[in-house]
């Protein structure tokens, strides 16, 4: 089996993410106290948020947060991922044009050699619920 440079280099990963009905974001895990860095978003992310991939790659997922984002939920997210747990939550995020939407999402760590290297987030708009 050929070793991939990153999990994102896998044709299987790309096919799964691009065929997903939900928004997918992958971040490189930050160091101790460091912020995660967006390294991938799928087309559904762009449809949901209005942000193109080139506008978010290299940034942080925090760009989707705003005044009505529940900080207790984002604190729980930070606690879960820093402790290697899968997070599942719901809060308000914001599109590029500033309109709020209710989001439900899961974030799970991806580990290599015992260290978390990436986080995969799957998000969906639940505003209509």
Protein backbone atom coordinates (compact mmCIF):
# COMPACT_ATOMS: atom_id res chain seq x y z
CA UNK A 1 0.00 0.00 0.00
CA UNK A 2 1.38 3.39 -1.00
CA UNK A 3 1.73 5.96 1.80
CA UNK A 4 -0.18 9.20 1.14
CA UNK A 5 1.39 12.59 1.96
CA UNK A 6 -1.78 13.59 3.84
CA UNK A 7 -5.23 12.08 4.27
CA UNK A 8 -6.45 14.71 1.80
CA UNK A 9 -4.35 13.22 -1.00
CA UNK A 10 -6.53 10.14 -1.05
CA UNK A 11 -8.89 9.74 -4.03
CA UNK A 12 -11.25 7.93 -1.65
CA UNK A 13 -11.39 10.92 0.72
CA UNK A 14 -12.00 13.36 -2.11
CA UNK A 15 -14.78 11.22 -3.58
CA UNK A 16 -16.47 10.86 -0.19
CA UNK A 17 -16.26 14.56 0.62
CA UNK A 18 -17.39 15.81 -2.78
CA UNK A 19 -20.34 13.40 -2.94
CA UNK A 20 -21.54 14.29 0.54
CA UNK A 21 -24.94 15.94 0.86
CA UNK A 22 -23.50 17.86 3.82
CA UNK A 23 -20.84 20.53 4.21
CA UNK A 24 -17.38 19.11 4.96
CA UNK A 25 -14.45 21.05 6.40
CA UNK A 26 -11.04 19.65 7.33
CA UNK A 27 -8.69 21.53 9.61
CA UNK A 28 -5.09 20.84 10.50
CA UNK A 29 -4.89 20.46 14.27
CA UNK A 30 -3.36 23.44 16.01
CA UNK A 31 -0.45 23.05 18.36
CA UNK A 32 -0.82 23.60 22.09
CA UNK A 33 -2.92 26.76 22.29
CA UNK A 34 -2.75 27.08 18.50
CA UNK A 35 -5.68 27.68 16.21
CA UNK A 36 -6.82 25.06 13.72
CA UNK A 37 -6.10 25.86 10.06
CA UNK A 38 -8.67 25.12 7.36
CA UNK A 39 -7.07 22.90 4.70
CA UNK A 40 -10.15 21.66 2.81
CA UNK A 41 -13.82 22.45 2.21
CA UNK A 42 -16.16 20.75 -0.22
CA UNK A 43 -18.57 22.30 -2.72
CA UNK A 44 -21.49 21.93 -0.31
CA UNK A 45 -19.62 24.14 2.19
CA UNK A 46 -19.51 26.88 -0.44
CA UNK A 47 -23.22 26.45 -1.18
CA UNK A 48 -24.07 26.63 2.53
CA UNK A 49 -21.83 29.53 3.58
CA UNK A 50 -21.15 31.53 0.42
CA UNK A 51 -17.39 31.29 1.03
CA UNK A 52 -15.21 29.88 -1.76
CA UNK A 53 -12.47 27.45 -0.80
CA UNK A 54 -9.74 29.99 -1.57
CA UNK A 55 -11.36 32.41 0.90
CA UNK A 56 -11.19 30.00 3.85
CA UNK A 57 -8.16 27.77 3.21
CA UNK A 58 -5.43 28.87 5.61
CA UNK A 59 -7.92 30.59 7.93
CA UNK A 60 -9.79 29.32 10.97
CA UNK A 61 -13.34 27.98 11.30
CA UNK A 62 -14.05 30.94 13.58
CA UNK A 63 -14.80 33.08 10.53
CA UNK A 64 -18.30 31.52 10.57
CA UNK A 65 -19.03 32.70 14.10
CA UNK A 66 -20.77 35.91 15.13
CA UNK A 67 -22.80 37.64 17.82
CA UNK A 68 -25.38 34.87 18.26
CA UNK A 69 -22.91 31.98 18.19
CA UNK A 70 -23.31 30.16 21.53
CA UNK A 71 -19.94 30.42 23.25
CA UNK A 72 -20.81 27.59 25.64
CA UNK A 73 -21.11 25.32 22.60
CA UNK A 74 -17.81 26.48 21.09
CA UNK A 75 -16.12 25.98 24.49
CA UNK A 76 -17.50 22.42 24.61
CA UNK A 77 -16.21 21.90 21.06
CA UNK A 78 -12.74 23.06 22.10
CA UNK A 79 -12.81 20.80 25.17
CA UNK A 80 -13.98 17.76 23.21
CA UNK A 81 -11.44 18.07 20.42
CA UNK A 82 -8.56 18.92 22.75
CA UNK A 83 -9.35 15.70 24.62
CA UNK A 84 -9.61 13.55 21.49
CA UNK A 85 -13.40 13.18 21.62
CA UNK A 86 -15.90 13.56 18.80
CA UNK A 87 -18.00 16.69 19.22
CA UNK A 88 -21.69 17.00 18.28
CA UNK A 89 -23.50 20.31 18.72
CA UNK A 90 -25.72 23.03 17.36
CA UNK A 91 -25.37 26.83 17.25
CA UNK A 92 -25.76 29.88 15.02
CA UNK A 93 -23.18 30.52 12.32
CA UNK A 94 -23.00 33.23 9.68
CA UNK A 95 -22.78 33.18 5.90
CA UNK A 96 -20.39 35.37 3.97
CA UNK A 97 -23.20 37.90 3.43
CA UNK A 98 -23.79 38.08 7.19
CA UNK A 99 -27.06 36.14 7.35
CA UNK A 100 -27.30 33.80 10.34
CA UNK A 101 -28.23 30.14 10.08
CA UNK A 102 -28.65 27.38 12.63
CA UNK A 103 -26.01 24.71 12.20
CA UNK A 104 -25.70 21.19 13.54
CA UNK A 105 -22.27 19.67 13.22
CA UNK A 106 -19.94 16.92 14.26
CA UNK A 107 -16.18 17.21 14.51
CA UNK A 108 -13.94 14.19 14.91
CA UNK A 109 -10.18 13.91 15.31
CA UNK A 110 -8.03 12.09 12.77
CA UNK A 111 -4.91 10.63 14.30
CA UNK A 112 -1.64 9.35 12.92
CA UNK A 113 0.98 7.67 15.09
CA UNK A 114 -1.04 8.49 18.21
CA UNK A 115 -1.23 12.23 17.53
CA UNK A 116 -4.24 14.18 16.28
CA UNK A 117 -3.22 15.74 12.98
CA UNK A 118 -6.56 16.81 11.51
CA UNK A 119 -10.20 17.35 12.43
CA UNK A 120 -13.03 16.52 10.06
CA UNK A 121 -16.21 18.53 10.50
CA UNK A 122 -19.53 17.68 8.85
CA UNK A 123 -22.12 20.45 9.05
CA UNK A 124 -25.72 20.95 8.05
CA UNK A 125 -28.18 23.80 8.08
CA UNK A 126 -31.03 23.05 10.51
CA UNK A 127 -32.60 26.51 10.48
CA UNK A 128 -35.95 25.11 9.34
CA UNK A 129 -36.24 22.66 12.27
